[in-house]
Amino acid sequence: MNKLEIQQRVLQYGKPLDLDEFEWDEEAREFSSSMPGLVLDFSGIDDYIFNTSSNCIFKTGSRCQFNTDYDCKFITGNHCVFNTGFDCVFKTRDNCIFVTGTNCVMIRI
């Protein structure tokens, strides 16, 4: 996917995130933004890396890696890695790794 295609999958306040508010490495399949409150919809899409701030919501496929701040929510497939802050909610499938702060909840689906 190119940066314009990624932009359509990342919303902030119901609108696509401005192109200058995020970085996209197509070869590494890595998304990075310091903007809070993002909704990232990569449903059914595997093997991405996400580097974000706080209060984000993620919908992704399997084998993704998340490096986030606090108060994020995740709906993912299998084999994901989470490095997060506190107050996060995870709804995941099998074989995931969690390195989190306090008050996080994991729901296995």
N, C-alpha and C. Protein backbone atom coordinates (compact mmCIF):
# COMPACT_ATOMS: atom_id res chain seq x y z
N MET A 1 0.84 -1.18 0.00
CA MET A 1 0.00 0.00 0.00
C MET A 1 0.88 1.25 0.00
N ASN A 2 0.43 2.27 -0.69
CA ASN A 2 1.16 3.53 -0.66
C ASN A 2 0.58 4.43 0.44
N LYS A 3 1.17 5.59 0.63
CA LYS A 3 0.79 6.47 1.73
C LYS A 3 -0.66 6.96 1.60
N LEU A 4 -1.12 7.21 0.39
CA LEU A 4 -2.52 7.65 0.19
C LEU A 4 -3.51 6.54 0.57
N GLU A 5 -3.16 5.29 0.28
CA GLU A 5 -4.02 4.16 0.66
C GLU A 5 -4.03 3.99 2.18
N ILE A 6 -2.87 4.17 2.81
CA ILE A 6 -2.80 4.08 4.27
C ILE A 6 -3.65 5.18 4.89
N GLN A 7 -3.59 6.38 4.34
CA GLN A 7 -4.36 7.51 4.88
C GLN A 7 -5.85 7.19 4.98
N GLN A 8 -6.39 6.43 4.05
CA GLN A 8 -7.81 6.09 4.07
C GLN A 8 -8.16 5.10 5.18
N ARG A 9 -7.16 4.45 5.76
CA ARG A 9 -7.37 3.47 6.83
C ARG A 9 -7.12 4.05 8.22
N VAL A 10 -6.67 5.32 8.28
CA VAL A 10 -6.33 5.94 9.56
C VAL A 10 -7.14 7.22 9.72
N LEU A 11 -8.06 7.19 10.67
CA LEU A 11 -8.92 8.34 10.91
C LEU A 11 -8.58 9.02 12.23
N GLN A 12 -8.79 10.32 12.26
CA GLN A 12 -8.72 11.08 13.50
C GLN A 12 -9.94 12.01 13.50
N TYR A 13 -10.76 11.87 14.52
CA TYR A 13 -12.01 12.63 14.63
C TYR A 13 -12.90 12.41 13.40
N GLY A 14 -12.90 11.19 12.88
CA GLY A 14 -13.76 10.81 11.78
C GLY A 14 -13.27 11.21 10.40
N LYS A 15 -12.10 11.81 10.29
CA LYS A 15 -11.55 12.22 9.00
C LYS A 15 -10.19 11.57 8.79
N PRO A 16 -9.81 11.32 7.52
CA PRO A 16 -8.49 10.76 7.27
C PRO A 16 -7.40 11.65 7.86
N LEU A 17 -6.40 11.02 8.45
CA LEU A 17 -5.29 11.74 9.05
C LEU A 17 -4.51 12.47 7.96
N ASP A 18 -4.14 13.72 8.20
CA ASP A 18 -3.36 14.49 7.23
C ASP A 18 -2.08 13.74 6.89
N LEU A 19 -1.66 13.81 5.64
CA LEU A 19 -0.48 13.09 5.18
C LEU A 19 0.79 13.51 5.93
N ASP A 20 0.86 14.77 6.36
CA ASP A 20 2.05 15.22 7.06
C ASP A 20 2.04 14.86 8.54
N GLU A 21 0.97 14.19 9.02
CA GLU A 21 0.87 13.79 10.43
C GLU A 21 1.30 12.35 10.68
N PHE A 22 1.77 11.66 9.64
CA PHE A 22 2.25 10.30 9.83
C PHE A 22 3.34 9.96 8.81
N GLU A 23 4.10 8.94 9.17
CA GLU A 23 5.12 8.42 8.27
C GLU A 23 4.73 7.00 7.89
N TRP A 24 5.07 6.61 6.68
CA TRP A 24 4.76 5.28 6.19
C TRP A 24 5.99 4.74 5.47
N ASP A 25 6.48 3.60 5.93
CA ASP A 25 7.57 2.90 5.27
C ASP A 25 6.96 1.69 4.58
N GLU A 26 6.77 1.80 3.27
CA GLU A 26 6.09 0.76 2.51
C GLU A 26 6.86 -0.56 2.53
N GLU A 27 8.17 -0.48 2.42
CA GLU A 27 8.98 -1.70 2.39
C GLU A 27 8.91 -2.45 3.73
N ALA A 28 9.03 -1.72 4.83
CA ALA A 28 8.99 -2.34 6.16
C ALA A 28 7.56 -2.57 6.65
N ARG A 29 6.58 -1.99 5.95
CA ARG A 29 5.15 -2.07 6.33
C ARG A 29 4.97 -1.48 7.73
N GLU A 30 5.53 -0.27 7.92
CA GLU A 30 5.56 0.36 9.24
C GLU A 30 4.89 1.74 9.20
N PHE A 31 3.89 1.90 10.08
CA PHE A 31 3.16 3.16 10.24
C PHE A 31 3.63 3.84 11.53
N SER A 32 3.87 5.15 11.48
CA SER A 32 4.28 5.90 12.68
C SER A 32 3.57 7.25 12.71
N SER A 33 3.03 7.58 13.89
CA SER A 33 2.42 8.89 14.10
C SER A 33 2.44 9.23 15.58
N SER A 34 2.65 10.49 15.89
CA SER A 34 2.61 10.94 17.29
C SER A 34 1.26 11.53 17.65
N MET A 35 0.30 11.47 16.73
CA MET A 35 -1.02 12.03 16.97
C MET A 35 -1.86 11.08 17.84
N PRO A 36 -2.56 11.60 18.86
CA PRO A 36 -3.42 10.75 19.70
C PRO A 36 -4.79 10.58 19.05
N GLY A 37 -5.54 9.60 19.56
CA GLY A 37 -6.93 9.44 19.17
C GLY A 37 -7.16 8.92 17.77
N LEU A 38 -6.29 8.07 17.28
CA LEU A 38 -6.43 7.53 15.93
C LEU A 38 -7.28 6.27 15.93
N VAL A 39 -7.99 6.05 14.84
CA VAL A 39 -8.69 4.80 14.59
C VAL A 39 -8.05 4.20 13.35
N LEU A 40 -7.40 3.05 13.53
CA LEU A 40 -6.65 2.41 12.44
C LEU A 40 -7.37 1.13 12.06
N ASP A 41 -7.89 1.07 10.84
CA ASP A 41 -8.64 -0.10 10.40
C ASP A 41 -7.85 -0.85 9.33
N PHE A 42 -7.14 -1.86 9.78
CA PHE A 42 -6.39 -2.75 8.90
C PHE A 42 -6.97 -4.16 9.05
N SER A 43 -8.28 -4.23 9.18
CA SER A 43 -8.97 -5.51 9.39
C SER A 43 -8.55 -6.53 8.34
N GLY A 44 -8.14 -7.71 8.82
CA GLY A 44 -7.78 -8.79 7.92
C GLY A 44 -6.45 -8.61 7.21
N ILE A 45 -5.71 -7.56 7.54
CA ILE A 45 -4.42 -7.31 6.89
C ILE A 45 -3.31 -7.65 7.89
N ASP A 46 -2.39 -8.50 7.47
CA ASP A 46 -1.36 -9.05 8.35
C ASP A 46 -0.02 -8.35 8.19
N ASP A 47 0.85 -8.57 9.18
CA ASP A 47 2.28 -8.23 9.11
C ASP A 47 2.56 -6.73 9.00
N TYR A 48 1.97 -5.94 9.89
CA TYR A 48 2.24 -4.50 9.93
C TYR A 48 2.84 -4.14 11.29
N ILE A 49 3.56 -3.02 11.32
CA ILE A 49 4.11 -2.46 12.56
C ILE A 49 3.46 -1.10 12.75
N PHE A 50 2.95 -0.85 13.97
CA PHE A 50 2.29 0.41 14.29
C PHE A 50 3.00 1.08 15.46
N ASN A 51 3.41 2.32 15.27
CA ASN A 51 4.03 3.13 16.31
C ASN A 51 3.13 4.35 16.50
N THR A 52 2.43 4.41 17.64
CA THR A 52 1.45 5.48 17.82
C THR A 52 1.50 6.07 19.22
N SER A 53 0.69 7.08 19.41
CA SER A 53 0.55 7.76 20.69
C SER A 53 -0.57 7.08 21.49
N SER A 54 -1.32 7.84 22.24
CA SER A 54 -2.35 7.32 23.14
C SER A 54 -3.75 7.36 22.53
N ASN A 55 -4.68 6.68 23.21
CA ASN A 55 -6.11 6.70 22.88
C ASN A 55 -6.41 6.26 21.46
N CYS A 56 -5.70 5.25 20.98
CA CYS A 56 -5.91 4.75 19.62
C CYS A 56 -6.72 3.46 19.65
N ILE A 57 -7.40 3.19 18.56
CA ILE A 57 -8.14 1.95 18.37
C ILE A 57 -7.58 1.26 17.13
N PHE A 58 -7.26 -0.02 17.27
CA PHE A 58 -6.68 -0.80 16.18
C PHE A 58 -7.57 -1.97 15.83
N LYS A 59 -7.80 -2.18 14.54
CA LYS A 59 -8.42 -3.40 14.02
C LYS A 59 -7.46 -3.93 12.97
N THR A 60 -6.88 -5.11 13.23
CA THR A 60 -5.86 -5.63 12.32
C THR A 60 -5.99 -7.13 12.14
N GLY A 61 -5.17 -7.63 11.23
CA GLY A 61 -5.05 -9.07 11.05
C GLY A 61 -4.03 -9.63 12.02
N SER A 62 -3.29 -10.62 11.57
CA SER A 62 -2.33 -11.34 12.41
C SER A 62 -0.90 -10.85 12.20
N ARG A 63 -0.03 -11.29 13.12
CA ARG A 63 1.41 -11.03 13.07
C ARG A 63 1.74 -9.54 12.98
N CYS A 64 1.02 -8.72 13.72
CA CYS A 64 1.30 -7.28 13.77
C CYS A 64 2.04 -6.95 15.06
N GLN A 65 2.75 -5.84 15.03
CA GLN A 65 3.44 -5.35 16.22
C GLN A 65 2.93 -3.95 16.53
N PHE A 66 2.66 -3.71 17.83
CA PHE A 66 2.11 -2.43 18.27
C PHE A 66 3.02 -1.82 19.32
N ASN A 67 3.49 -0.62 19.06
CA ASN A 67 4.28 0.15 20.01
C ASN A 67 3.49 1.42 20.28
N THR A 68 2.80 1.46 21.42
CA THR A 68 1.85 2.55 21.66
C THR A 68 2.06 3.15 23.05
N ASP A 69 1.35 4.23 23.27
CA ASP A 69 1.29 4.82 24.59
C ASP A 69 0.09 4.20 25.31
N TYR A 70 -0.59 4.92 26.17
CA TYR A 70 -1.63 4.39 27.04
C TYR A 70 -3.03 4.46 26.42
N ASP A 71 -3.97 3.77 27.07
CA ASP A 71 -5.41 3.82 26.79
C ASP A 71 -5.76 3.49 25.34
N CYS A 72 -5.18 2.41 24.81
CA CYS A 72 -5.48 1.98 23.45
C CYS A 72 -6.33 0.71 23.49
N LYS A 73 -7.03 0.45 22.39
CA LYS A 73 -7.86 -0.74 22.27
C LYS A 73 -7.46 -1.48 20.99
N PHE A 74 -7.40 -2.82 21.09
CA PHE A 74 -6.89 -3.64 20.00
C PHE A 74 -7.86 -4.77 19.70
N ILE A 75 -8.17 -4.98 18.44
CA ILE A 75 -8.90 -6.16 17.97
C ILE A 75 -8.01 -6.75 16.87
N THR A 76 -7.41 -7.93 17.16
CA THR A 76 -6.39 -8.45 16.25
C THR A 76 -6.55 -9.94 16.00
N GLY A 77 -5.73 -10.43 15.10
CA GLY A 77 -5.63 -11.86 14.86
C GLY A 77 -4.57 -12.49 15.75
N ASN A 78 -3.90 -13.52 15.24
CA ASN A 78 -2.91 -14.31 15.98
C ASN A 78 -1.51 -13.71 15.92
N HIS A 79 -0.66 -14.17 16.84
CA HIS A 79 0.79 -13.93 16.79
C HIS A 79 1.16 -12.46 16.76
N CYS A 80 0.52 -11.63 17.55
CA CYS A 80 0.83 -10.21 17.61
C CYS A 80 1.71 -9.90 18.82
N VAL A 81 2.43 -8.78 18.76
CA VAL A 81 3.28 -8.33 19.85
C VAL A 81 2.83 -6.94 20.25
N PHE A 82 2.62 -6.74 21.56
CA PHE A 82 2.12 -5.47 22.09
C PHE A 82 3.11 -4.89 23.09
N ASN A 83 3.59 -3.69 22.84
CA ASN A 83 4.41 -2.93 23.78
C ASN A 83 3.62 -1.65 24.05
N THR A 84 2.95 -1.58 25.20
CA THR A 84 2.01 -0.49 25.43
C THR A 84 2.18 0.14 26.80
N GLY A 85 1.47 1.24 26.99
CA GLY A 85 1.36 1.87 28.30
C GLY A 85 0.24 1.23 29.09
N PHE A 86 -0.41 2.00 29.94
CA PHE A 86 -1.42 1.48 30.85
C PHE A 86 -2.84 1.66 30.28
N ASP A 87 -3.82 1.03 30.96
CA ASP A 87 -5.25 1.14 30.64
C ASP A 87 -5.58 0.72 29.21
N CYS A 88 -4.98 -0.33 28.70
CA CYS A 88 -5.27 -0.82 27.35
C CYS A 88 -6.21 -2.02 27.42
N VAL A 89 -6.96 -2.24 26.34
CA VAL A 89 -7.86 -3.39 26.24
C VAL A 89 -7.47 -4.16 24.98
N PHE A 90 -7.29 -5.49 25.14
CA PHE A 90 -6.87 -6.34 24.04
C PHE A 90 -7.93 -7.41 23.79
N LYS A 91 -8.41 -7.52 22.57
CA LYS A 91 -9.29 -8.61 22.17
C LYS A 91 -8.55 -9.32 21.04
N THR A 92 -7.90 -10.45 21.37
CA THR A 92 -6.97 -11.08 20.45
C THR A 92 -7.23 -12.56 20.30
N ARG A 93 -6.56 -13.13 19.33
CA ARG A 93 -6.54 -14.58 19.15
C ARG A 93 -5.32 -15.14 19.86
N ASP A 94 -4.80 -16.26 19.41
CA ASP A 94 -3.75 -17.01 20.10
C ASP A 94 -2.34 -16.46 19.89
N ASN A 95 -1.44 -16.90 20.78
CA ASN A 95 0.00 -16.73 20.65
C ASN A 95 0.45 -15.27 20.54
N CYS A 96 -0.08 -14.41 21.38
CA CYS A 96 0.31 -13.01 21.42
C CYS A 96 1.22 -12.75 22.60
N ILE A 97 2.06 -11.73 22.48
CA ILE A 97 2.99 -11.34 23.55
C ILE A 97 2.62 -9.94 24.01
N PHE A 98 2.55 -9.76 25.34
CA PHE A 98 2.14 -8.49 25.92
C PHE A 98 3.21 -7.96 26.86
N VAL A 99 3.63 -6.73 26.62
CA VAL A 99 4.48 -5.99 27.56
C VAL A 99 3.72 -4.69 27.80
N THR A 100 3.08 -4.58 28.97
CA THR A 100 2.14 -3.47 29.19
C THR A 100 2.36 -2.79 30.53
N GLY A 101 1.69 -1.66 30.68
CA GLY A 101 1.61 -1.00 31.97
C GLY A 101 0.51 -1.62 32.80
N THR A 102 0.00 -0.88 33.76
CA THR A 102 -1.02 -1.40 34.68
C THR A 102 -2.43 -1.25 34.11
N ASN A 103 -3.37 -1.95 34.73
CA ASN A 103 -4.80 -1.85 34.45
C ASN A 103 -5.16 -2.21 33.02
N CYS A 104 -4.51 -3.21 32.46
CA CYS A 104 -4.85 -3.66 31.11
C CYS A 104 -5.73 -4.89 31.20
N VAL A 105 -6.57 -5.09 30.18
CA VAL A 105 -7.49 -6.22 30.13
C VAL A 105 -7.26 -6.97 28.83
N MET A 106 -7.16 -8.31 28.92
CA MET A 106 -7.02 -9.14 27.74
C MET A 106 -8.21 -10.07 27.63
N ILE A 107 -8.85 -10.06 26.46
CA ILE A 107 -9.99 -10.94 26.18
C ILE A 107 -9.60 -11.82 25.02
N ARG A 108 -9.49 -13.13 25.25
CA ARG A 108 -9.11 -14.06 24.17
C ARG A 108 -10.36 -14.44 23.41
N ILE A 109 -10.30 -14.32 22.07
CA ILE A 109 -11.47 -14.68 21.24
C ILE A 109 -11.20 -15.96 20.49
